[in-house]
Every structure is written in structure tokens, then in C-alpha cells.
Protein backbone atom coordinates (compact mmCIF):
# COMPACT_ATOMS: atom_id res chain seq x y z
CA MET A 1 -0.53 138.08 63.96
CA GLU A 2 -4.05 136.89 64.77
CA LEU A 3 -3.58 133.53 63.02
CA LEU A 4 -0.53 132.66 65.16
CA ASP A 5 -2.50 133.47 68.31
CA GLN A 6 -5.28 131.13 67.21
CA ILE A 7 -2.77 128.34 66.46
CA GLN A 8 -1.14 128.68 69.88
CA SER A 9 -4.53 128.75 71.58
CA ILE A 10 -5.59 125.51 69.86
CA VAL A 11 -2.34 123.79 70.88
CA ARG A 12 -2.62 124.90 74.54
CA GLU A 13 -6.21 123.73 74.83
CA ALA A 14 -5.39 120.39 73.20
CA GLU A 15 -2.37 119.79 75.50
CA THR A 16 -4.49 120.55 78.56
CA ALA A 17 -7.18 118.12 77.40
CA LEU A 18 -4.65 115.40 76.57
CA ALA A 19 -3.06 115.69 80.02
CA SER A 20 -6.38 114.76 81.61
CA ALA A 21 -7.38 112.09 79.06
CA LYS A 22 -8.09 108.68 80.64
CA THR A 23 -9.07 106.46 77.73
CA GLU A 24 -8.27 106.01 74.06
CA ASN A 25 -11.74 107.33 73.23
CA ASP A 26 -10.86 110.60 75.00
CA VAL A 27 -7.72 110.89 72.88
CA GLU A 28 -9.63 110.18 69.68
CA THR A 29 -12.19 112.90 70.56
CA ILE A 30 -9.41 115.45 71.08
CA ARG A 31 -7.76 114.45 67.81
CA ALA A 32 -11.02 114.89 65.90
CA LYS A 33 -11.59 118.33 67.43
CA THR A 34 -8.13 119.59 66.53
CA ILE A 35 -6.63 117.94 63.46
CA GLY A 36 -9.64 115.94 62.24
CA ARG A 37 -11.54 116.68 59.06
CA ASN A 38 -13.81 119.14 60.87
CA GLY A 39 -11.26 120.13 63.52
CA ALA A 40 -9.99 123.53 64.58
CA PHE A 41 -6.84 123.32 62.45
CA THR A 42 -8.86 122.48 59.36
CA ALA A 43 -10.98 125.57 59.97
CA LEU A 44 -7.85 127.75 59.85
CA GLY A 45 -7.19 126.74 56.25
CA PRO A 46 -9.25 129.51 54.62
CA LEU A 47 -7.50 132.13 56.79
CA MET A 48 -4.10 131.13 55.38
CA GLY A 49 -5.15 132.47 52.00
CA LYS A 50 -6.08 135.91 53.38
CA ILE A 51 -2.80 136.83 55.08
CA PRO A 52 -0.26 139.05 53.27
CA PRO A 53 2.28 137.24 51.06
CA GLU A 54 5.24 138.37 53.19
CA GLU A 55 3.70 136.73 56.29
CA LYS A 56 2.78 133.39 54.67
CA PRO A 57 6.17 131.64 55.23
CA VAL A 58 6.06 132.37 58.96
CA ALA A 59 2.40 131.42 59.28
CA GLY A 60 2.84 128.24 57.24
CA ARG A 61 5.82 127.10 59.29
CA ALA A 62 3.97 127.79 62.56
CA PHE A 63 0.91 125.92 61.29
CA ASN A 64 2.93 122.78 60.34
CA GLU A 65 5.03 122.77 63.53
CA ALA A 66 1.91 123.08 65.69
CA LYS A 67 0.26 120.19 63.86
CA GLN A 68 3.34 117.96 64.27
CA THR A 69 3.50 118.86 67.96
CA LEU A 70 -0.12 117.81 68.43
CA LEU A 71 0.44 114.53 66.56
CA ALA A 72 3.39 113.71 68.83
CA LYS A 73 1.37 114.61 71.96
CA ILE A 74 -1.53 112.43 70.85
CA GLU A 75 0.76 109.43 70.25
CA GLU A 76 2.50 110.01 73.59
CA THR A 77 -0.84 110.11 75.40
CA LYS A 78 -1.97 106.88 73.71
CA ASN A 79 1.19 105.11 74.86
CA ARG A 80 0.72 106.44 78.40
CA ILE A 81 -2.83 105.13 78.57
CA ALA A 82 -1.80 101.71 77.12
CA ASP A 83 1.07 101.36 79.61
CA SER A 84 -1.22 102.30 82.46
CA ALA A 85 -3.79 99.69 81.40
CA ALA A 86 -1.11 97.00 81.12
CA GLU A 87 0.25 97.85 84.56
CA SER A 88 -3.22 97.65 86.06
CA ALA A 89 -3.66 94.20 84.50
CA GLY A 90 -0.33 93.01 85.88
CA GLU A 91 1.32 92.86 82.45
CA THR A 92 4.31 95.06 83.16
CA ILE A 93 7.59 93.83 81.73
CA ASP A 94 10.56 93.54 84.03
CA VAL A 95 13.41 94.45 81.70
CA THR A 96 15.97 93.25 84.25
CA LEU A 97 14.89 89.60 83.82
CA PRO A 98 16.93 87.43 81.42
CA GLY A 99 15.30 86.70 78.07
CA ARG A 100 13.51 83.43 77.45
CA LYS A 101 15.26 81.02 75.10
CA TRP A 102 13.20 79.58 72.29
CA HIS A 103 14.13 75.96 71.69
CA ALA A 104 14.17 74.98 68.04
CA GLY A 105 12.06 71.95 67.26
CA ARG A 106 12.90 69.09 64.94
CA LYS A 107 11.06 67.01 62.40
CA HIS A 108 9.13 63.96 63.55
CA PRO A 109 10.83 60.70 62.46
CA VAL A 110 7.87 59.86 60.22
CA CYS A 111 8.17 63.29 58.55
CA GLN A 112 11.89 62.71 58.07
CA THR A 113 11.20 59.44 56.28
CA PHE A 114 8.40 61.10 54.33
CA ASP A 115 10.76 63.78 52.99
CA GLU A 116 13.62 61.37 52.35
CA CYS A 117 11.43 59.04 50.28
CA CYS A 118 10.10 61.92 48.19
CA ASP A 119 13.63 63.22 47.60
CA ILE A 120 14.86 59.81 46.45
CA PHE A 121 12.02 59.31 43.98
CA ARG A 122 12.30 62.90 42.70
CA ARG A 123 15.89 62.15 41.74
CA MET A 124 14.53 59.22 39.70
CA GLY A 125 12.16 61.50 37.82
CA PHE A 126 8.97 61.02 39.85
CA ILE A 127 6.74 63.97 40.78
CA ALA A 128 5.28 64.08 44.30
CA THR A 129 1.49 64.57 44.11
CA SER A 130 -1.14 64.91 46.83
CA GLY A 131 -4.91 64.51 47.09
CA PRO A 132 -7.80 64.81 49.57
CA GLU A 133 -8.04 62.44 52.53
CA ILE A 134 -11.85 62.28 52.21
CA GLU A 135 -12.54 60.39 49.00
CA THR A 136 -15.26 58.93 46.83
CA VAL A 137 -15.93 55.21 46.67
CA PHE A 138 -15.18 55.33 42.94
CA ASN A 139 -11.66 56.73 43.37
CA ASN A 140 -10.85 54.53 46.36
CA PHE A 141 -12.35 51.23 45.18
CA ASP A 142 -14.30 51.11 41.90
CA ALA A 143 -11.66 52.66 39.64
CA LEU A 144 -9.06 50.40 41.24
CA ASN A 145 -10.92 47.25 40.16
CA ALA A 146 -11.96 46.32 43.73
CA PRO A 147 -15.15 44.21 43.48
CA ALA A 148 -18.23 45.05 45.56
CA ASP A 149 -17.61 42.08 47.88
CA HIS A 150 -13.95 42.91 48.53
CA PRO A 151 -13.26 42.77 52.31
CA SER A 152 -11.64 46.21 52.34
CA ARG A 153 -14.95 47.79 51.26
CA SER A 154 -16.68 46.56 54.42
CA MET A 155 -17.65 49.11 57.08
CA VAL A 156 -15.62 46.95 59.44
CA ASP A 157 -12.44 47.94 57.59
CA THR A 158 -13.15 51.41 56.17
CA PHE A 159 -14.47 54.65 57.69
CA TYR A 160 -17.68 55.74 55.89
CA PHE A 161 -19.54 59.05 56.09
CA ALA A 162 -23.32 59.36 55.98
CA ASP A 163 -23.17 60.83 52.46
CA GLY A 164 -21.30 57.79 51.13
CA ARG A 165 -17.83 59.30 51.06
CA ILE A 166 -14.99 57.60 52.93
CA MET A 167 -11.69 58.27 54.62
CA ARG A 168 -9.23 56.99 52.03
CA SER A 169 -7.75 53.63 52.94
CA HIS A 170 -4.66 54.14 50.75
CA THR A 171 -3.18 56.89 48.59
CA SER A 172 -4.11 55.08 45.35
CA PRO A 173 -6.99 57.57 44.73
CA VAL A 174 -4.28 60.15 44.00
CA GLN A 175 -3.13 57.90 41.15
CA ILE A 176 -6.70 57.73 39.82
CA ARG A 177 -7.14 61.50 40.03
CA THR A 178 -3.83 62.04 38.21
CA MET A 179 -4.65 59.62 35.40
CA LEU A 180 -8.12 61.13 34.96
CA ALA A 181 -6.52 64.57 34.64
CA GLN A 182 -3.72 63.79 32.17
CA LYS A 183 -2.65 61.45 29.45
CA PRO A 184 0.45 59.21 29.58
CA PRO A 185 3.28 59.33 30.35
CA VAL A 186 2.66 59.51 34.10
CA ARG A 187 5.43 59.20 36.67
CA ILE A 188 4.30 60.17 40.19
CA VAL A 189 4.62 59.26 43.84
CA ALA A 190 1.67 59.88 46.14
CA PRO A 191 2.65 60.31 49.79
CA GLY A 192 0.00 60.95 52.44
CA ARG A 193 -2.08 59.80 55.39
CA CYS A 194 -4.54 56.89 55.21
CA TYR A 195 -7.21 55.53 57.55
CA ARG A 196 -8.42 52.02 58.36
CA ARG A 197 -10.50 50.45 61.10
CA ASP A 198 -7.63 48.57 62.73
CA THR A 199 -7.26 47.85 66.42
CA PRO A 200 -4.15 49.76 67.56
CA ASP A 201 -1.23 47.55 68.51
CA ALA A 202 2.54 47.44 68.02
CA THR A 203 2.20 47.25 64.21
CA HIS A 204 -1.24 48.72 63.44
CA GLY A 205 -3.12 52.00 63.95
CA VAL A 206 -6.32 53.69 62.79
CA TYR A 207 -4.21 55.99 60.64
CA PHE A 208 -0.85 55.57 58.98
CA HIS A 209 1.28 57.17 56.26
CA GLN A 210 1.93 55.66 52.89
CA ILE A 211 3.85 56.48 49.73
CA GLU A 212 2.71 54.97 46.45
CA GLY A 213 4.34 55.16 43.06
CA LEU A 214 2.91 55.00 39.54
CA TYR A 215 4.70 54.89 36.19
CA ILE A 216 2.64 54.68 32.99
CA ASP A 217 4.21 54.79 29.52
CA THR A 218 4.35 52.82 26.29
CA ASP A 219 7.09 50.39 27.29
CA VAL A 220 7.21 49.60 31.03
CA SER A 221 7.94 46.20 32.56
CA LEU A 222 8.47 44.41 35.87
CA ALA A 223 12.19 44.86 35.28
CA ASP A 224 11.66 48.64 35.51
CA LEU A 225 9.72 48.16 38.75
CA LYS A 226 12.46 46.02 40.30
CA SER A 227 15.26 48.37 39.28
CA THR A 228 13.31 51.33 40.70
CA LEU A 229 12.83 49.59 44.04
CA MET A 230 16.46 48.43 44.12
CA ALA A 231 17.64 52.01 43.57
CA PHE A 232 15.31 53.23 46.33
CA ALA A 233 16.43 50.55 48.81
CA ALA A 234 20.12 51.25 48.16
CA GLU A 235 19.63 54.97 48.87
CA PHE A 236 17.29 54.60 51.83
CA PHE A 237 18.87 51.66 53.67
CA GLY A 238 22.38 51.69 52.21
CA GLU A 239 24.38 49.71 49.71
CA GLY A 240 24.14 45.92 49.76
CA ILE A 241 20.34 45.79 50.10
CA ARG A 242 18.76 43.29 47.72
CA VAL A 243 15.16 43.05 46.50
CA ARG A 244 13.14 39.84 46.22
CA MET A 245 9.79 39.56 44.44
CA ARG A 246 7.12 37.00 45.34
CA PRO A 247 3.82 36.39 43.47
CA SER A 248 0.79 37.92 45.20
CA PHE A 249 -2.64 39.34 44.44
CA PHE A 250 -4.04 42.87 44.39
CA PRO A 251 -7.15 43.81 42.40
CA PHE A 252 -5.46 46.86 40.89
CA THR A 253 -2.32 45.11 39.57
CA GLU A 254 -1.78 42.09 37.31
CA PRO A 255 0.61 40.42 37.80
CA SER A 256 1.02 41.39 41.47
CA VAL A 257 4.09 40.91 43.64
CA GLU A 258 5.19 41.34 47.24
CA CYS A 259 8.66 42.85 47.41
CA ASP A 260 11.04 42.03 50.23
CA PHE A 261 14.21 43.87 51.17
CA THR A 262 17.25 42.34 52.80
CA CYS A 263 16.74 42.43 56.58
CA VAL A 264 18.73 45.41 57.84
CA MET A 265 18.78 43.97 61.35
CA CYS A 266 20.90 40.94 60.47
CA GLY A 267 22.15 41.76 56.98
CA GLY A 268 20.21 38.84 55.52
CA LYS A 269 21.66 36.20 57.86
CA GLY A 270 18.39 35.59 59.70
CA CYS A 271 17.10 36.91 63.03
CA LYS A 272 13.89 37.08 65.07
CA VAL A 273 12.78 40.27 63.29
CA CYS A 274 12.80 38.61 59.86
CA LYS A 275 11.81 35.23 61.35
CA ASN A 276 15.17 33.83 60.31
CA SER A 277 14.37 34.32 56.63
CA GLY A 278 16.83 37.15 55.99
CA TRP A 279 14.06 39.18 54.29
CA ILE A 280 11.58 41.84 55.41
CA GLU A 281 8.37 42.49 53.49
CA CYS A 282 8.17 46.18 52.58
CA VAL A 283 6.35 46.76 49.31
CA GLY A 284 3.19 45.69 47.55
CA ALA A 285 3.49 46.21 43.80
CA GLY A 286 2.76 44.97 40.31
CA MET A 287 1.85 45.92 36.76
CA VAL A 288 -1.26 48.13 36.61
CA ASN A 289 -4.33 46.02 35.86
CA PRO A 290 -5.74 46.74 32.36
CA ASN A 291 -9.17 47.26 33.94
CA VAL A 292 -7.77 50.16 35.95
CA LEU A 293 -6.36 51.69 32.78
CA ARG A 294 -9.74 51.38 31.07
CA ASN A 295 -11.51 52.94 34.09
CA VAL A 296 -9.48 56.14 33.68
CA GLY A 297 -9.80 56.26 29.89
CA TYR A 298 -6.42 54.77 28.97
CA ASP A 299 -5.99 52.17 26.25
CA PRO A 300 -4.16 49.12 27.70
CA GLU A 301 -3.09 48.22 24.17
CA GLN A 302 -1.21 51.51 23.89
CA CYS A 303 0.25 51.93 27.39
CA GLN A 304 1.17 49.97 30.47
CA GLY A 305 2.90 50.63 33.75
CA PHE A 306 3.67 49.60 37.29
CA ALA A 307 2.49 50.72 40.72
CA PHE A 308 3.84 50.16 44.22
CA GLY A 309 3.01 51.12 47.79
CA MET A 310 5.03 51.30 51.02
CA GLY A 311 4.15 52.20 54.60
CA ILE A 312 6.16 55.18 55.87
CA GLU A 313 5.94 54.02 59.49
CA ARG A 314 7.15 50.56 58.54
CA LEU A 315 10.13 51.97 56.68
CA THR A 316 10.96 54.17 59.66
CA MET A 317 10.66 51.27 62.10
CA ILE A 318 12.98 49.09 60.02
CA LYS A 319 15.57 51.81 59.43
CA HIS A 320 15.75 52.91 63.08
CA ARG A 321 15.09 49.49 64.70
CA ILE A 322 11.82 50.63 66.33
CA GLU A 323 9.57 47.85 67.57
CA ASP A 324 6.31 49.62 68.49
CA LEU A 325 4.30 51.74 66.04
CA ARG A 326 2.52 53.53 68.90
CA LEU A 327 5.72 55.36 69.85
CA PHE A 328 5.21 57.63 66.83
CA SER A 329 1.95 59.08 68.19
CA GLU A 330 2.62 59.21 71.94
CA ASN A 331 4.58 62.51 71.69
CA ASP A 332 7.17 61.32 74.18
CA VAL A 333 9.99 63.87 73.89
CA ARG A 334 12.52 61.31 75.17
CA PHE A 335 11.75 59.17 72.12
CA LEU A 336 11.48 61.98 69.56
CA GLU A 337 14.73 63.67 70.57
CA GLN A 338 16.68 60.66 69.32
CA PHE A 339 16.01 61.59 65.68
């Protein structure tokens, strides 16, 4: 049968050409000439319709087998060329060598505290919310009732960009964005990274992590704030931790309080860490200032709420008895492997 002779001839010529192919481009050229759209096999298509019906099964089977053979030869030649190139580049794999073990990593202690805090507040009904680290002056200061002469707005304390935007100095802008986007009730925590122009030392850095909370509804009081913080402290530090509130001042809360937890180092008996007071300052908090509510379109006559903020690094240092903040960013494996 003339068609079978043509098929065999195409296969032989292709195998000879593939045996001498040196590059992937050579292989692609051979493929195009044989089984490509304008290849020799494609040209045989019209002939298939002219052969007698009794010969079509044999011719069809021969045609398909020849095509599959060529596809296998082309793939084999590609692999041969790739292996040869790898060997020339010194990339051969010695299969007799033992496999390399991949060591599983672990979460950074700050990340562990980050996740634990979010989990605790989620169980109390708070929703974890995030926002951009590059913020507007309005979200970071103006909406939070910070006057133009407030020290934190100085370029000495805050990182400013040429276009007037800033690196957020706290995660409070997330609270502003949330309140601008929805009506009460609001119950969120805003964890994230913040930036300030501090000189790095054992307790300060140019960046740090913070988690802030906000609860706005029609009937919220300082008692709700204290019970929330007591529940958090009991879960995070353990049972027996007490909470103490002291009057303070923040432009975005009124009244404002500093919240202290029982010193976990001495159990409240007094030590050098707590300066023999038995308490460690952990939280800045208070009832949301009515001006802040007005700035986001809320009516302070209809709703009220509390807000609080805690430093993640500080919580981690207290819980694990760490004395130097810089240990968190030095990437010393000997330190990190302890957690």
C-alpha cells in the first residue's frame, strides 16, 4: 500500500533527524515538519479518504501508531538534550547521595503573641481588622482629636512623606476607617505594625506591633472596659491577674485611664521589674471622646464606647521575662528557638 510506505518513510527520516538533533530548536523544527499543522503527516490526510474501505482500518491504525511513535521520540530527544545541557553545566544529580532534610520553621514570639491576642478577643466577640501602614494625617491625628500642636505630630516623632502622608504611629486609624465605613455597633480589634522616630534601646524601636480594641454601642461603660481587660489578662497571663486603672490623658478618649496588670514576675509582691509596686503598666484606654465620634459621623448622644491599646512586644516581654526589645529583631536563632 503506497500510503503505508509514505508513513514509514516519514518516520525513518524523522528518527534519523532526531538522532542528530543538538538543540531544542532542532527538535521543534523536526516536529513542525512531521506532525505540525503543515507537516508531512498532515499532508497525508486527504489520501486517507481515497483508499478503499477495506484498507482503511489498517491504514488508520498505522497512521496513529506512527504519529504516537514520533511524539515519543520527540519527547525522548528533548529529555536527552536537557540532560546533556545540565551535565555540561555541572548540574547532574548524584542519586546515591542522601536526601537533604528540610527543617520546619516556627513562629516568631511576637507573631505568637499577635495570634494569641487575636484569638482571645475573637472569643469575646471582637473582629480582627487591618488597615494600611501608610496613612493620612486625618486618620492618624485629626479624626482622633489630636490638636495641631500635639507633640506626636512633630516630624521629630513621626515619619512623614513628601506628599503629606505618614507612617502610622498607632493602629487607631483602623478604628477611624471602620467607623467611617459602618454604623454602630462596632466591636473590633486592630492588630498591626506602627512606626515612630524613637532611638532604639532596650524598650524602644523605630517600629513596633500594637493591638487596639474598639467597642461602640448604645450602652457601654468603663465597667465593660475593665471586665474586658480582666478577661484578657486572665487568659493571656493566667488566673490571679488583677487589673488596676489610673486616671490619665489621651486626646481620643475621655475619661482616659492607664491600666496596670499584676506583675507576673513577682505575683504582685514587688520586684525590680515593677519597681516594687506589684503592678506593670500594659494598656492605655478610656471612653471614646465625643469629638472622635462626631468626626466619623456618629452621634455621641446616641452611642458611646471604649477603646484600648497594647504593645505586642511589651506583652511578649512580660510573659516570657525578656528584658531587651532588640532581641526580637536580631534574628538570633539561639533566642528564637526557645519559643
